[in-house]
Structure formats: structure tokens, C-alpha cells
Amino acid sequence: MLSLSDSEEILAVLIALAIIIGFIFSTYKDIISTISEEKEKLAEKKEVEEKVKTLIDYLDAKTRLVNLVNKQKKKIRKEENK
């Protein structure tokens, strides 16, 4: 077995702690990055949903307008045929 002096043991412990702290920091940064990406995706999804709702409202209004025009055309044709 390898025999280490006190200073070598302290150095080995410090290096091990530095590695562990580095790993924790790296994991923390990855978690923060992932959370940020998910928030961005959620915001983008909400934006797309709002655009879709606006488009649906627009199409509904257009459909009502077309139906109203068709109804008026039928009414005019009926009056002309009398």
C-alpha cells in the first residue's frame, strides 16, 4: 500500500474536494440552462397559442361575414324573383 505524508494527504483531499465542487458547479449550470430553455419553450408555446387563437377569431369573423353576405344575396334574389 502507498504511504502518503500528511501534506500529500491534505493535497489529495483538496484535489478531491475541488473535483467534487467542480462537478456540483457543472451540474448546477446544466440545471439552470435546462430550466432557462424550458421557460423559453413555454413562452414560445404560449405565443404560438395566442397567434392560433387570433387566427381562429379572424376566421370565425370572416365566416360570419361570408354567411351574412350569402344570406343578403339570397334575400335580394328572392325579392327580384317576386
PDB file of N, CA and C in Angstrom:
ATOM      1  N   MET A   1       0.838  -1.175   0.000  1.00  0.00           N
ATOM      2  CA  MET A   1       0.000   0.000   0.000  1.00  0.00           C
ATOM      3  C   MET A   1       0.886   1.242   0.000  1.00  0.00           C
ATOM      4  N   LEU A   2       0.367   2.295  -0.569  1.00  0.00           N
ATOM      5  CA  LEU A   2       1.105   3.534  -0.713  1.00  0.00           C
ATOM      6  C   LEU A   2       1.041   4.326   0.582  1.00  0.00           C
ATOM      7  N   SER A   3       2.168   4.818   1.012  1.00  0.00           N
ATOM      8  CA  SER A   3       2.218   5.605   2.240  1.00  0.00           C
ATOM      9  C   SER A   3       2.383   7.074   1.867  1.00  0.00           C
ATOM     10  N   LEU A   4       1.426   7.881   2.312  1.00  0.00           N
ATOM     11  CA  LEU A   4       1.457   9.304   1.995  1.00  0.00           C
ATOM     12  C   LEU A   4       1.779  10.113   3.241  1.00  0.00           C
ATOM     13  N   SER A   5       2.512  11.195   3.049  1.00  0.00           N
ATOM     14  CA  SER A   5       2.792  12.089   4.173  1.00  0.00           C
ATOM     15  C   SER A   5       1.543  12.931   4.437  1.00  0.00           C
ATOM     16  N   ASP A   6       1.576  13.636   5.554  1.00  0.00           N
ATOM     17  CA  ASP A   6       0.424  14.464   5.922  1.00  0.00           C
ATOM     18  C   ASP A   6       0.121  15.514   4.853  1.00  0.00           C
ATOM     19  N   SER A   7       1.139  16.152   4.333  1.00  0.00           N
ATOM     20  CA  SER A   7       0.915  17.189   3.322  1.00  0.00           C
ATOM     21  C   SER A   7       0.364  16.580   2.034  1.00  0.00           C
ATOM     22  N   GLU A   8       0.806  15.374   1.683  1.00  0.00           N
ATOM     23  CA  GLU A   8       0.285  14.698   0.489  1.00  0.00           C
ATOM     24  C   GLU A   8      -1.180  14.319   0.674  1.00  0.00           C
ATOM     25  N   GLU A   9      -1.528  13.869   1.893  1.00  0.00           N
ATOM     26  CA  GLU A   9      -2.920  13.519   2.174  1.00  0.00           C
ATOM     27  C   GLU A   9      -3.817  14.759   2.094  1.00  0.00           C
ATOM     28  N   ILE A  10      -3.346  15.862   2.646  1.00  0.00           N
ATOM     29  CA  ILE A  10      -4.116  17.107   2.597  1.00  0.00           C
ATOM     30  C   ILE A  10      -4.295  17.550   1.153  1.00  0.00           C
ATOM     31  N   LEU A  11      -3.223  17.455   0.372  1.00  0.00           N
ATOM     32  CA  LEU A  11      -3.291  17.823  -1.039  1.00  0.00           C
ATOM     33  C   LEU A  11      -4.278  16.925  -1.783  1.00  0.00           C
ATOM     34  N   ALA A  12      -4.264  15.622  -1.502  1.00  0.00           N
ATOM     35  CA  ALA A  12      -5.186  14.687  -2.154  1.00  0.00           C
ATOM     36  C   ALA A  12      -6.633  15.018  -1.791  1.00  0.00           C
ATOM     37  N   VAL A  13      -6.883  15.349  -0.537  1.00  0.00           N
ATOM     38  CA  VAL A  13      -8.231  15.704  -0.095  1.00  0.00           C
ATOM     39  C   VAL A  13      -8.679  17.000  -0.771  1.00  0.00           C
ATOM     40  N   LEU A  14      -7.785  17.989  -0.853  1.00  0.00           N
ATOM     41  CA  LEU A  14      -8.121  19.254  -1.511  1.00  0.00           C
ATOM     42  C   LEU A  14      -8.438  19.045  -2.993  1.00  0.00           C
ATOM     43  N   ILE A  15      -7.662  18.210  -3.652  1.00  0.00           N
ATOM     44  CA  ILE A  15      -7.923  17.920  -5.068  1.00  0.00           C
ATOM     45  C   ILE A  15      -9.267  17.217  -5.220  1.00  0.00           C
ATOM     46  N   ALA A  16      -9.547  16.259  -4.338  1.00  0.00           N
ATOM     47  CA  ALA A  16     -10.833  15.555  -4.389  1.00  0.00           C
ATOM     48  C   ALA A  16     -11.985  16.537  -4.161  1.00  0.00           C
ATOM     49  N   LEU A  17     -11.827  17.442  -3.211  1.00  0.00           N
ATOM     50  CA  LEU A  17     -12.862  18.447  -2.952  1.00  0.00           C
ATOM     51  C   LEU A  17     -13.038  19.370  -4.155  1.00  0.00           C
ATOM     52  N   ALA A  18     -11.931  19.751  -4.785  1.00  0.00           N
ATOM     53  CA  ALA A  18     -12.016  20.608  -5.971  1.00  0.00           C
ATOM     54  C   ALA A  18     -12.769  19.898  -7.091  1.00  0.00           C
ATOM     55  N   ILE A  19     -12.514  18.612  -7.268  1.00  0.00           N
ATOM     56  CA  ILE A  19     -13.219  17.833  -8.298  1.00  0.00           C
ATOM     57  C   ILE A  19     -14.706  17.768  -7.977  1.00  0.00           C
ATOM     58  N   ILE A  20     -15.036  17.512  -6.725  1.00  0.00           N
ATOM     59  CA  ILE A  20     -16.442  17.423  -6.317  1.00  0.00           C
ATOM     60  C   ILE A  20     -17.137  18.771  -6.487  1.00  0.00           C
ATOM     61  N   ILE A  21     -16.472  19.848  -6.067  1.00  0.00           N
ATOM     62  CA  ILE A  21     -17.061  21.184  -6.224  1.00  0.00           C
ATOM     63  C   ILE A  21     -17.249  21.509  -7.700  1.00  0.00           C
ATOM     64  N   GLY A  22     -16.277  21.151  -8.524  1.00  0.00           N
ATOM     65  CA  GLY A  22     -16.400  21.363  -9.967  1.00  0.00           C
ATOM     66  C   GLY A  22     -17.581  20.606 -10.544  1.00  0.00           C
ATOM     67  N   PHE A  23     -17.760  19.368 -10.111  1.00  0.00           N
ATOM     68  CA  PHE A  23     -18.887  18.561 -10.574  1.00  0.00           C
ATOM     69  C   PHE A  23     -20.211  19.191 -10.150  1.00  0.00           C
ATOM     70  N   ILE A  24     -20.287  19.643  -8.907  1.00  0.00           N
ATOM     71  CA  ILE A  24     -21.513  20.272  -8.409  1.00  0.00           C
ATOM     72  C   ILE A  24     -21.806  21.546  -9.197  1.00  0.00           C
ATOM     73  N   PHE A  25     -20.781  22.358  -9.434  1.00  0.00           N
ATOM     74  CA  PHE A  25     -20.957  23.600 -10.189  1.00  0.00           C
ATOM     75  C   PHE A  25     -21.422  23.311 -11.614  1.00  0.00           C
ATOM     76  N   SER A  26     -20.808  22.315 -12.237  1.00  0.00           N
ATOM     77  CA  SER A  26     -21.185  21.936 -13.603  1.00  0.00           C
ATOM     78  C   SER A  26     -22.639  21.462 -13.650  1.00  0.00           C
ATOM     79  N   THR A  27     -23.031  20.653 -12.699  1.00  0.00           N
ATOM     80  CA  THR A  27     -24.405  20.159 -12.630  1.00  0.00           C
ATOM     81  C   THR A  27     -25.378  21.314 -12.404  1.00  0.00           C
ATOM     82  N   TYR A  28     -25.018  22.228 -11.536  1.00  0.00           N
ATOM     83  CA  TYR A  28     -25.854  23.403 -11.265  1.00  0.00           C
ATOM     84  C   TYR A  28     -26.049  24.227 -12.532  1.00  0.00           C
ATOM     85  N   LYS A  29     -24.970  24.479 -13.263  1.00  0.00           N
ATOM     86  CA  LYS A  29     -25.064  25.251 -14.510  1.00  0.00           C
ATOM     87  C   LYS A  29     -25.954  24.529 -15.521  1.00  0.00           C
ATOM     88  N   ASP A  30     -25.825  23.205 -15.626  1.00  0.00           N
ATOM     89  CA  ASP A  30     -26.665  22.437 -16.552  1.00  0.00           C
ATOM     90  C   ASP A  30     -28.138  22.544 -16.172  1.00  0.00           C
ATOM     91  N   ILE A  31     -28.425  22.472 -14.888  1.00  0.00           N
ATOM     92  CA  ILE A  31     -29.811  22.570 -14.419  1.00  0.00           C
ATOM     93  C   ILE A  31     -30.373  23.954 -14.731  1.00  0.00           C
ATOM     94  N   ILE A  32     -29.604  24.996 -14.462  1.00  0.00           N
ATOM     95  CA  ILE A  32     -30.044  26.369 -14.748  1.00  0.00           C
ATOM     96  C   ILE A  32     -30.288  26.537 -16.239  1.00  0.00           C
ATOM     97  N   SER A  33     -29.397  25.988 -17.050  1.00  0.00           N
ATOM     98  CA  SER A  33     -29.543  26.079 -18.507  1.00  0.00           C
ATOM     99  C   SER A  33     -30.805  25.362 -18.973  1.00  0.00           C
ATOM    100  N   THR A  34     -31.055  24.183 -18.435  1.00  0.00           N
ATOM    101  CA  THR A  34     -32.240  23.415 -18.806  1.00  0.00           C
ATOM    102  C   THR A  34     -33.515  24.152 -18.402  1.00  0.00           C
ATOM    103  N   ILE A  35     -33.527  24.710 -17.211  1.00  0.00           N
ATOM    104  CA  ILE A  35     -34.698  25.462 -16.748  1.00  0.00           C
ATOM    105  C   ILE A  35     -34.942  26.660 -17.655  1.00  0.00           C
ATOM    106  N   SER A  36     -33.874  27.347 -18.022  1.00  0.00           N
ATOM    107  CA  SER A  36     -33.996  28.505 -18.910  1.00  0.00           C
ATOM    108  C   SER A  36     -34.563  28.097 -20.266  1.00  0.00           C
ATOM    109  N   GLU A  37     -34.073  26.990 -20.812  1.00  0.00           N
ATOM    110  CA  GLU A  37     -34.577  26.503 -22.100  1.00  0.00           C
ATOM    111  C   GLU A  37     -36.053  26.138 -22.012  1.00  0.00           C
ATOM    112  N   GLU A  38     -36.457  25.502 -20.927  1.00  0.00           N
ATOM    113  CA  GLU A  38     -37.857  25.110 -20.762  1.00  0.00           C
ATOM    114  C   GLU A  38     -38.757  26.336 -20.631  1.00  0.00           C
ATOM    115  N   LYS A  39     -38.292  27.349 -19.911  1.00  0.00           N
ATOM    116  CA  LYS A  39     -39.074  28.588 -19.801  1.00  0.00           C
ATOM    117  C   LYS A  39     -39.227  29.239 -21.168  1.00  0.00           C
ATOM    118  N   GLU A  40     -38.152  29.219 -21.952  1.00  0.00           N
ATOM    119  CA  GLU A  40     -38.193  29.795 -23.296  1.00  0.00           C
ATOM    120  C   GLU A  40     -39.176  29.031 -24.182  1.00  0.00           C
ATOM    121  N   LYS A  41     -39.147  27.704 -24.098  1.00  0.00           N
ATOM    122  CA  LYS A  41     -40.077  26.887 -24.883  1.00  0.00           C
ATOM    123  C   LYS A  41     -41.521  27.166 -24.467  1.00  0.00           C
ATOM    124  N   LEU A  42     -41.750  27.303 -23.168  1.00  0.00           N
ATOM    125  CA  LEU A  42     -43.097  27.571 -22.667  1.00  0.00           C
ATOM    126  C   LEU A  42     -43.595  28.930 -23.154  1.00  0.00           C
ATOM    127  N   ALA A  43     -42.718  29.927 -23.117  1.00  0.00           N
ATOM    128  CA  ALA A  43     -43.103  31.256 -23.602  1.00  0.00           C
ATOM    129  C   ALA A  43     -43.410  31.213 -25.096  1.00  0.00           C
ATOM    130  N   GLU A  44     -42.600  30.473 -25.842  1.00  0.00           N
ATOM    131  CA  GLU A  44     -42.831  30.343 -27.285  1.00  0.00           C
ATOM    132  C   GLU A  44     -44.151  29.627 -27.555  1.00  0.00           C
ATOM    133  N   LYS A  45     -44.435  28.599 -26.766  1.00  0.00           N
ATOM    134  CA  LYS A  45     -45.682  27.855 -26.928  1.00  0.00           C
ATOM    135  C   LYS A  45     -46.885  28.760 -26.655  1.00  0.00           C
ATOM    136  N   LYS A  46     -46.800  29.574 -25.606  1.00  0.00           N
ATOM    137  CA  LYS A  46     -47.896  30.498 -25.291  1.00  0.00           C
ATOM    138  C   LYS A  46     -48.082  31.511 -26.407  1.00  0.00           C
ATOM    139  N   GLU A  47     -46.971  31.976 -26.975  1.00  0.00           N
ATOM    140  CA  GLU A  47     -47.049  32.938 -28.076  1.00  0.00           C
ATOM    141  C   GLU A  47     -47.735  32.313 -29.287  1.00  0.00           C
ATOM    142  N   VAL A  48     -47.374  31.078 -29.592  1.00  0.00           N
ATOM    143  CA  VAL A  48     -47.990  30.380 -30.724  1.00  0.00           C
ATOM    144  C   VAL A  48     -49.472  30.153 -30.459  1.00  0.00           C
ATOM    145  N   GLU A  49     -49.823  29.782 -29.232  1.00  0.00           N
ATOM    146  CA  GLU A  49     -51.231  29.573 -28.891  1.00  0.00           C
ATOM    147  C   GLU A  49     -52.032  30.862 -29.062  1.00  0.00           C
ATOM    148  N   GLU A  50     -51.458  31.989 -28.670  1.00  0.00           N
ATOM    149  CA  GLU A  50     -52.141  33.275 -28.840  1.00  0.00           C
ATOM    150  C   GLU A  50     -52.338  33.588 -30.321  1.00  0.00           C
ATOM    151  N   LYS A  51     -51.331  33.306 -31.125  1.00  0.00           N
ATOM    152  CA  LYS A  51     -51.453  33.535 -32.568  1.00  0.00           C
ATOM    153  C   LYS A  51     -52.546  32.657 -33.162  1.00  0.00           C
ATOM    154  N   VAL A  52     -52.618  31.407 -32.709  1.00  0.00           N
ATOM    155  CA  VAL A  52     -53.645  30.492 -33.207  1.00  0.00           C
ATOM    156  C   VAL A  52     -55.029  30.988 -32.797  1.00  0.00           C
ATOM    157  N   LYS A  53     -55.169  31.441 -31.554  1.00  0.00           N
ATOM    158  CA  LYS A  53     -56.461  31.972 -31.100  1.00  0.00           C
ATOM    159  C   LYS A  53     -56.872  33.182 -31.935  1.00  0.00           C
ATOM    160  N   THR A  54     -55.918  34.055 -32.213  1.00  0.00           N
ATOM    161  CA  THR A  54     -56.207  35.229 -33.037  1.00  0.00           C
ATOM    162  C   THR A  54     -56.638  34.807 -34.430  1.00  0.00           C
ATOM    163  N   LEU A  55     -55.946  33.835 -34.991  1.00  0.00           N
ATOM    164  CA  LEU A  55     -56.288  33.342 -36.324  1.00  0.00           C
ATOM    165  C   LEU A  55     -57.675  32.709 -36.334  1.00  0.00           C
ATOM    166  N   ILE A  56     -57.998  31.946 -35.307  1.00  0.00           N
ATOM    167  CA  ILE A  56     -59.324  31.323 -35.212  1.00  0.00           C
ATOM    168  C   ILE A  56     -60.399  32.403 -35.121  1.00  0.00           C
ATOM    169  N   ASP A  57     -60.157  33.426 -34.299  1.00  0.00           N
ATOM    170  CA  ASP A  57     -61.121  34.534 -34.198  1.00  0.00           C
ATOM    171  C   ASP A  57     -61.299  35.218 -35.549  1.00  0.00           C
ATOM    172  N   TYR A  58     -60.207  35.432 -36.247  1.00  0.00           N
ATOM    173  CA  TYR A  58     -60.265  36.059 -37.569  1.00  0.00           C
ATOM    174  C   TYR A  58     -61.080  35.203 -38.535  1.00  0.00           C
ATOM    175  N   LEU A  59     -60.811  33.899 -38.547  1.00  0.00           N
ATOM    176  CA  LEU A  59     -61.541  33.007 -39.454  1.00  0.00           C
ATOM    177  C   LEU A  59     -63.021  32.932 -39.095  1.00  0.00           C
ATOM    178  N   ASP A  60     -63.337  32.936 -37.801  1.00  0.00           N
ATOM    179  CA  ASP A  60     -64.744  32.937 -37.383  1.00  0.00           C
ATOM    180  C   ASP A  60     -65.450  34.208 -37.849  1.00  0.00           C
ATOM    181  N   ALA A  61     -64.782  35.346 -37.690  1.00  0.00           N
ATOM    182  CA  ALA A  61     -65.377  36.611 -38.132  1.00  0.00           C
ATOM    183  C   ALA A  61     -65.568  36.606 -39.645  1.00  0.00           C
ATOM    184  N   LYS A  62     -64.597  36.089 -40.354  1.00  0.00           N
ATOM    185  CA  LYS A  62     -64.696  36.030 -41.814  1.00  0.00           C
ATOM    186  C   LYS A  62     -65.836  35.104 -42.236  1.00  0.00           C
ATOM    187  N   THR A  63     -65.985  33.989 -41.560  1.00  0.00           N
ATOM    188  CA  THR A  63     -67.070  33.054 -41.866  1.00  0.00           C
ATOM    189  C   THR A  63     -68.425  33.707 -41.620  1.00  0.00           C
ATOM    190  N   ARG A  64     -68.553  34.418 -40.496  1.00  0.00           N
ATOM    191  CA  ARG A  64     -69.815  35.114 -40.209  1.00  0.00           C
ATOM    192  C   ARG A  64     -70.114  36.150 -41.289  1.00  0.00           C
ATOM    193  N   LEU A  65     -69.086  36.854 -41.711  1.00  0.00           N
ATOM    194  CA  LEU A  65     -69.267  37.867 -42.749  1.00  0.00           C
ATOM    195  C   LEU A  65     -69.693  37.231 -44.071  1.00  0.00           C
ATOM    196  N   VAL A  66     -69.049  36.138 -44.453  1.00  0.00           N
ATOM    197  CA  VAL A  66     -69.411  35.445 -45.700  1.00  0.00           C
ATOM    198  C   VAL A  66     -70.837  34.925 -45.611  1.00  0.00           C
ATOM    199  N   ASN A  67     -71.204  34.356 -44.479  1.00  0.00           N
ATOM    200  CA  ASN A  67     -72.570  33.856 -44.299  1.00  0.00           C
ATOM    201  C   ASN A  67     -73.590  34.985 -44.383  1.00  0.00           C
ATOM    202  N   LEU A  68     -73.263  36.127 -43.808  1.00  0.00           N
ATOM    203  CA  LEU A  68     -74.154  37.280 -43.866  1.00  0.00           C
ATOM    204  C   LEU A  68     -74.313  37.772 -45.310  1.00  0.00           C
ATOM    205  N   VAL A  69     -73.213  37.828 -46.046  1.00  0.00           N
ATOM    206  CA  VAL A  69     -73.274  38.252 -47.449  1.00  0.00           C
ATOM    207  C   VAL A  69     -74.119  37.276 -48.255  1.00  0.00           C
ATOM    208  N   ASN A  70     -73.925  35.991 -48.052  1.00  0.00           N
ATOM    209  CA  ASN A  70     -74.719  34.987 -48.767  1.00  0.00           C
ATOM    210  C   ASN A  70     -76.199  35.102 -48.423  1.00  0.00           C
ATOM    211  N   LYS A  71     -76.489  35.341 -47.169  1.00  0.00           N
ATOM    212  CA  LYS A  71     -77.877  35.493 -46.734  1.00  0.00           C
ATOM    213  C   LYS A  71     -78.510  36.705 -47.415  1.00  0.00           C
ATOM    214  N   GLN A  72     -77.772  37.804 -47.479  1.00  0.00           N
ATOM    215  CA  GLN A  72     -78.292  39.007 -48.126  1.00  0.00           C
ATOM    216  C   GLN A  72     -78.473  38.796 -49.631  1.00  0.00           C
ATOM    217  N   LYS A  73     -77.549  38.065 -50.253  1.00  0.00           N
ATOM    218  CA  LYS A  73     -77.677  37.772 -51.690  1.00  0.00           C
ATOM    219  C   LYS A  73     -78.934  36.954 -51.957  1.00  0.00           C
ATOM    220  N   LYS A  74     -79.183  35.958 -51.103  1.00  0.00           N
ATOM    221  CA  LYS A  74     -80.387  35.136 -51.262  1.00  0.00           C
ATOM    222  C   LYS A  74     -81.638  35.992 -51.090  1.00  0.00           C
ATOM    223  N   LYS A  75     -81.594  36.895 -50.128  1.00  0.00           N
ATOM    224  CA  LYS A  75     -82.733  37.768 -49.876  1.00  0.00           C
ATOM    225  C   LYS A  75     -82.984  38.671 -51.085  1.00  0.00           C
ATOM    226  N   ILE A  76     -81.925  39.207 -51.672  1.00  0.00           N
ATOM    227  CA  ILE A  76     -82.059  40.068 -52.856  1.00  0.00           C
ATOM    228  C   ILE A  76     -82.603  39.271 -54.032  1.00  0.00           C
ATOM    229  N   ARG A  77     -82.105  38.071 -54.234  1.00  0.00           N
ATOM    230  CA  ARG A  77     -82.588  37.226 -55.340  1.00  0.00           C
ATOM    231  C   ARG A  77     -84.061  36.901 -55.172  1.00  0.00           C
ATOM    232  N   LYS A  78     -84.470  36.632 -53.927  1.00  0.00           N
ATOM    233  CA  LYS A  78     -85.875  36.334 -53.655  1.00  0.00           C
ATOM    234  C   LYS A  78     -86.745  37.527 -54.018  1.00  0.00           C
ATOM    235  N   GLU A  79     -86.304  38.705 -53.635  1.00  0.00           N
ATOM    236  CA  GLU A  79     -87.074  39.920 -53.918  1.00  0.00           C
ATOM    237  C   GLU A  79     -87.128  40.203 -55.415  1.00  0.00           C
ATOM    238  N   GLU A  80     -86.051  39.889 -56.129  1.00  0.00           N
ATOM    239  CA  GLU A  80     -86.025  40.107 -57.578  1.00  0.00           C
ATOM    240  C   GLU A  80     -86.949  39.127 -58.300  1.00  0.00           C
ATOM    241  N   ASN A  81     -87.096  37.941 -57.793  1.00  0.00           N
ATOM    242  CA  ASN A  81     -87.925  36.903 -58.417  1.00  0.00           C
ATOM    243  C   ASN A  81     -89.415  37.116 -58.159  1.00  0.00           C
ATOM    244  N   LYS A  82     -89.786  37.966 -57.279  1.00  0.00           N
ATOM    245  CA  LYS A  82     -91.204  38.181 -56.958  1.00  0.00           C
ATOM    246  C   LYS A  82     -91.892  38.962 -58.005  1.00  0.00           C
TER     247      LYS A  82
END
